[in-house]
Amino acid sequence: MEVSIVSVLREIIVKGILDIPWSQVLATGAFLLVLSVLLVVRVWLPPTFEGVDPEQKISQRYKQKIEGNSRSFNNHSLDDQKITNHNR
């Protein structure tokens, strides 16, 4: 969010306030106002994802999926062996 504010201000400084159309100046002002309000409000928001590590959950899910696939593969190969042994 801070990067957005700095980028907008840099563009205004580089182009010059007099060379920018008035509608773009108003839109930029509204954008900066909204971002600054979000920065202030963010302080009072409770930490929603405290203690949640999405990467860890995804890796656990992936490991369970791999283990499940290897188990089903092993079960299928055992079933195939039982069938071939039974047919003999």
N, C-alpha and C. Protein backbone atom coordinates (compact mmCIF):
# COMPACT_ATOMS: atom_id res chain seq x y z
N MET A 1 0.83 -1.18 0.00
CA MET A 1 0.00 0.00 0.00
C MET A 1 0.88 1.25 0.00
N GLU A 2 1.93 1.21 0.80
CA GLU A 2 2.82 2.36 0.86
C GLU A 2 3.51 2.59 -0.47
N VAL A 3 3.81 1.50 -1.17
CA VAL A 3 4.45 1.61 -2.48
C VAL A 3 3.54 2.31 -3.47
N SER A 4 2.25 2.04 -3.38
CA SER A 4 1.28 2.69 -4.28
C SER A 4 1.27 4.20 -4.05
N ILE A 5 1.27 4.59 -2.79
CA ILE A 5 1.25 6.02 -2.47
C ILE A 5 2.50 6.70 -3.02
N VAL A 6 3.64 6.08 -2.79
CA VAL A 6 4.90 6.68 -3.26
C VAL A 6 4.93 6.73 -4.78
N SER A 7 4.43 5.69 -5.44
CA SER A 7 4.43 5.66 -6.91
C SER A 7 3.55 6.76 -7.49
N VAL A 8 2.38 6.96 -6.90
CA VAL A 8 1.48 8.01 -7.39
C VAL A 8 2.10 9.38 -7.20
N LEU A 9 2.66 9.59 -6.02
CA LEU A 9 3.29 10.89 -5.77
C LEU A 9 4.49 11.13 -6.69
N ARG A 10 5.25 10.09 -6.98
CA ARG A 10 6.40 10.22 -7.88
C ARG A 10 5.94 10.60 -9.28
N GLU A 11 4.87 9.97 -9.76
CA GLU A 11 4.36 10.29 -11.10
C GLU A 11 3.90 11.75 -11.18
N ILE A 12 3.26 12.22 -10.12
CA ILE A 12 2.81 13.61 -10.12
C ILE A 12 4.00 14.56 -10.13
N ILE A 13 5.01 14.23 -9.37
CA ILE A 13 6.20 15.10 -9.31
C ILE A 13 6.94 15.07 -10.64
N VAL A 14 7.08 13.88 -11.25
CA VAL A 14 7.81 13.76 -12.51
C VAL A 14 7.09 14.49 -13.64
N LYS A 15 5.79 14.30 -13.78
CA LYS A 15 5.04 14.93 -14.87
C LYS A 15 4.76 16.40 -14.60
N GLY A 16 4.62 16.73 -13.34
CA GLY A 16 4.29 18.10 -12.99
C GLY A 16 2.79 18.26 -12.86
N ILE A 17 2.36 18.91 -11.81
CA ILE A 17 0.93 19.04 -11.52
C ILE A 17 0.21 19.84 -12.59
N LEU A 18 0.91 20.77 -13.25
CA LEU A 18 0.27 21.61 -14.27
C LEU A 18 0.06 20.86 -15.58
N ASP A 19 0.82 19.78 -15.82
CA ASP A 19 0.69 19.04 -17.08
C ASP A 19 -0.32 17.90 -16.99
N ILE A 20 -0.85 17.66 -15.83
CA ILE A 20 -1.80 16.56 -15.65
C ILE A 20 -3.22 17.12 -15.74
N PRO A 21 -4.12 16.43 -16.47
CA PRO A 21 -5.52 16.89 -16.57
C PRO A 21 -6.19 16.93 -15.18
N TRP A 22 -7.14 17.86 -15.03
CA TRP A 22 -7.76 18.06 -13.71
C TRP A 22 -8.50 16.82 -13.23
N SER A 23 -9.09 16.05 -14.17
CA SER A 23 -9.81 14.84 -13.75
C SER A 23 -8.85 13.80 -13.17
N GLN A 24 -7.65 13.74 -13.74
CA GLN A 24 -6.66 12.80 -13.22
C GLN A 24 -6.14 13.26 -11.86
N VAL A 25 -6.04 14.56 -11.66
CA VAL A 25 -5.60 15.09 -10.36
C VAL A 25 -6.65 14.75 -9.30
N LEU A 26 -7.96 14.91 -9.64
CA LEU A 26 -9.01 14.57 -8.69
C LEU A 26 -9.02 13.07 -8.38
N ALA A 27 -8.85 12.24 -9.41
CA ALA A 27 -8.82 10.79 -9.20
C ALA A 27 -7.62 10.39 -8.35
N THR A 28 -6.49 11.01 -8.59
CA THR A 28 -5.29 10.73 -7.80
C THR A 28 -5.48 11.16 -6.36
N GLY A 29 -6.10 12.30 -6.17
CA GLY A 29 -6.37 12.76 -4.81
C GLY A 29 -7.31 11.82 -4.06
N ALA A 30 -8.35 11.35 -4.74
CA ALA A 30 -9.28 10.40 -4.12
C ALA A 30 -8.57 9.09 -3.80
N PHE A 31 -7.73 8.63 -4.72
CA PHE A 31 -6.98 7.40 -4.51
C PHE A 31 -6.06 7.53 -3.29
N LEU A 32 -5.35 8.63 -3.20
CA LEU A 32 -4.46 8.85 -2.06
C LEU A 32 -5.23 8.97 -0.75
N LEU A 33 -6.40 9.60 -0.81
CA LEU A 33 -7.23 9.73 0.38
C LEU A 33 -7.70 8.36 0.87
N VAL A 34 -8.16 7.52 -0.05
CA VAL A 34 -8.62 6.17 0.32
C VAL A 34 -7.48 5.35 0.89
N LEU A 35 -6.31 5.40 0.27
CA LEU A 35 -5.17 4.64 0.77
C LEU A 35 -4.73 5.12 2.15
N SER A 36 -4.76 6.42 2.37
CA SER A 36 -4.36 6.94 3.68
C SER A 36 -5.37 6.54 4.75
N VAL A 37 -6.67 6.53 4.42
CA VAL A 37 -7.68 6.08 5.37
C VAL A 37 -7.47 4.60 5.70
N LEU A 38 -7.16 3.79 4.68
CA LEU A 38 -6.90 2.37 4.91
C LEU A 38 -5.67 2.17 5.80
N LEU A 39 -4.66 2.99 5.63
CA LEU A 39 -3.48 2.89 6.48
C LEU A 39 -3.81 3.18 7.94
N VAL A 40 -4.67 4.17 8.15
CA VAL A 40 -5.05 4.53 9.52
C VAL A 40 -5.96 3.47 10.12
N VAL A 41 -6.92 2.97 9.35
CA VAL A 41 -7.88 1.98 9.85
C VAL A 41 -7.20 0.64 10.11
N ARG A 42 -6.19 0.33 9.33
CA ARG A 42 -5.49 -0.95 9.47
C ARG A 42 -4.92 -1.15 10.87
N VAL A 43 -4.60 -0.08 11.55
CA VAL A 43 -4.03 -0.16 12.89
C VAL A 43 -5.04 -0.77 13.86
N TRP A 44 -6.32 -0.46 13.68
CA TRP A 44 -7.35 -0.92 14.62
C TRP A 44 -7.96 -2.27 14.24
N LEU A 45 -7.64 -2.79 13.06
CA LEU A 45 -8.18 -4.08 12.66
C LEU A 45 -7.50 -5.20 13.44
N PRO A 46 -8.26 -6.18 13.89
CA PRO A 46 -7.64 -7.29 14.62
C PRO A 46 -6.82 -8.16 13.66
N PRO A 47 -5.78 -8.79 14.18
CA PRO A 47 -4.97 -9.65 13.30
C PRO A 47 -5.77 -10.90 12.91
N THR A 48 -6.25 -10.91 11.70
CA THR A 48 -7.15 -11.97 11.24
C THR A 48 -6.42 -13.30 11.09
N PHE A 49 -5.22 -13.27 10.59
CA PHE A 49 -4.51 -14.50 10.26
C PHE A 49 -3.37 -14.78 11.23
N GLU A 50 -3.54 -14.41 12.46
CA GLU A 50 -2.49 -14.64 13.44
C GLU A 50 -2.34 -16.14 13.69
N GLY A 51 -1.14 -16.63 13.52
CA GLY A 51 -0.86 -18.04 13.75
C GLY A 51 -1.24 -18.95 12.60
N VAL A 52 -1.66 -18.39 11.47
CA VAL A 52 -2.04 -19.20 10.31
C VAL A 52 -0.91 -19.11 9.29
N ASP A 53 -0.40 -20.26 8.91
CA ASP A 53 0.65 -20.32 7.90
C ASP A 53 0.12 -21.06 6.69
N PRO A 54 -0.34 -20.34 5.64
CA PRO A 54 -0.96 -21.01 4.50
C PRO A 54 0.00 -21.95 3.77
N GLU A 55 1.28 -21.63 3.74
CA GLU A 55 2.23 -22.50 3.05
C GLU A 55 2.32 -23.84 3.75
N GLN A 56 2.30 -23.83 5.08
CA GLN A 56 2.39 -25.08 5.83
C GLN A 56 1.15 -25.94 5.59
N LYS A 57 -0.02 -25.32 5.57
CA LYS A 57 -1.25 -26.07 5.33
C LYS A 57 -1.27 -26.67 3.93
N ILE A 58 -0.81 -25.92 2.95
CA ILE A 58 -0.80 -26.42 1.58
C ILE A 58 0.20 -27.57 1.45
N SER A 59 1.37 -27.45 2.09
CA SER A 59 2.35 -28.53 2.00
C SER A 59 1.83 -29.79 2.71
N GLN A 60 1.11 -29.63 3.83
CA GLN A 60 0.54 -30.79 4.50
C GLN A 60 -0.51 -31.47 3.61
N ARG A 61 -1.34 -30.67 2.96
CA ARG A 61 -2.36 -31.21 2.07
C ARG A 61 -1.71 -31.97 0.90
N TYR A 62 -0.62 -31.39 0.37
CA TYR A 62 0.09 -32.03 -0.74
C TYR A 62 0.70 -33.35 -0.30
N LYS A 63 1.31 -33.38 0.90
CA LYS A 63 1.91 -34.62 1.42
C LYS A 63 0.84 -35.69 1.63
N GLN A 64 -0.32 -35.29 2.15
CA GLN A 64 -1.40 -36.26 2.35
C GLN A 64 -1.89 -36.79 1.01
N LYS A 65 -1.94 -35.93 0.02
CA LYS A 65 -2.38 -36.36 -1.30
C LYS A 65 -1.39 -37.36 -1.89
N ILE A 66 -0.10 -37.09 -1.75
CA ILE A 66 0.92 -37.99 -2.27
C ILE A 66 0.88 -39.32 -1.53
N GLU A 67 0.75 -39.26 -0.20
CA GLU A 67 0.67 -40.51 0.58
C GLU A 67 -0.57 -41.30 0.19
N GLY A 68 -1.68 -40.64 -0.02
CA GLY A 68 -2.90 -41.32 -0.44
C GLY A 68 -2.74 -41.97 -1.80
N ASN A 69 -2.07 -41.28 -2.73
CA ASN A 69 -1.85 -41.86 -4.06
C ASN A 69 -0.92 -43.05 -3.99
N SER A 70 0.13 -42.98 -3.17
CA SER A 70 1.06 -44.11 -3.08
C SER A 70 0.38 -45.29 -2.41
N ARG A 71 -0.49 -45.04 -1.44
CA ARG A 71 -1.22 -46.12 -0.79
C ARG A 71 -2.18 -46.80 -1.77
N SER A 72 -2.88 -45.98 -2.54
CA SER A 72 -3.82 -46.57 -3.50
C SER A 72 -3.07 -47.33 -4.58
N PHE A 73 -1.90 -46.85 -4.95
CA PHE A 73 -1.09 -47.55 -5.95
C PHE A 73 -0.63 -48.89 -5.37
N ASN A 74 -0.17 -48.88 -4.11
CA ASN A 74 0.26 -50.11 -3.46
C ASN A 74 -0.91 -51.08 -3.32
N ASN A 75 -2.07 -50.59 -2.97
CA ASN A 75 -3.25 -51.45 -2.84
C ASN A 75 -3.62 -52.08 -4.18
N HIS A 76 -3.54 -51.28 -5.26
CA HIS A 76 -3.85 -51.80 -6.58
C HIS A 76 -2.85 -52.87 -6.98
N SER A 77 -1.57 -52.65 -6.70
CA SER A 77 -0.57 -53.64 -7.08
C SER A 77 -0.75 -54.92 -6.27
N LEU A 78 -1.14 -54.80 -4.98
CA LEU A 78 -1.41 -55.99 -4.17
C LEU A 78 -2.62 -56.74 -4.71
N ASP A 79 -3.66 -56.00 -5.11
CA ASP A 79 -4.85 -56.63 -5.69
C ASP A 79 -4.50 -57.37 -6.97
N ASP A 80 -3.64 -56.75 -7.79
CA ASP A 80 -3.21 -57.39 -9.03
C ASP A 80 -2.44 -58.67 -8.76
N GLN A 81 -1.59 -58.64 -7.72
CA GLN A 81 -0.84 -59.84 -7.36
C GLN A 81 -1.78 -60.94 -6.88
N LYS A 82 -2.79 -60.55 -6.09
CA LYS A 82 -3.74 -61.55 -5.60
C LYS A 82 -4.49 -62.19 -6.76
N ILE A 83 -4.87 -61.39 -7.74
CA ILE A 83 -5.61 -61.90 -8.90
C ILE A 83 -4.74 -62.85 -9.70
N THR A 84 -3.50 -62.46 -9.95
CA THR A 84 -2.62 -63.33 -10.75
C THR A 84 -2.29 -64.61 -9.99
N ASN A 85 -2.10 -64.53 -8.68
CA ASN A 85 -1.84 -65.72 -7.88
C ASN A 85 -3.07 -66.63 -7.83
N HIS A 86 -4.24 -66.05 -7.78
CA HIS A 86 -5.47 -66.81 -7.71
C HIS A 86 -5.74 -67.54 -9.02
N ASN A 87 -5.38 -66.89 -10.15
CA ASN A 87 -5.61 -67.48 -11.46
C ASN A 87 -4.67 -68.64 -11.75
N ARG A 88 -3.59 -68.79 -11.04
CA ARG A 88 -2.61 -69.85 -11.32
C ARG A 88 -3.08 -71.15 -10.86
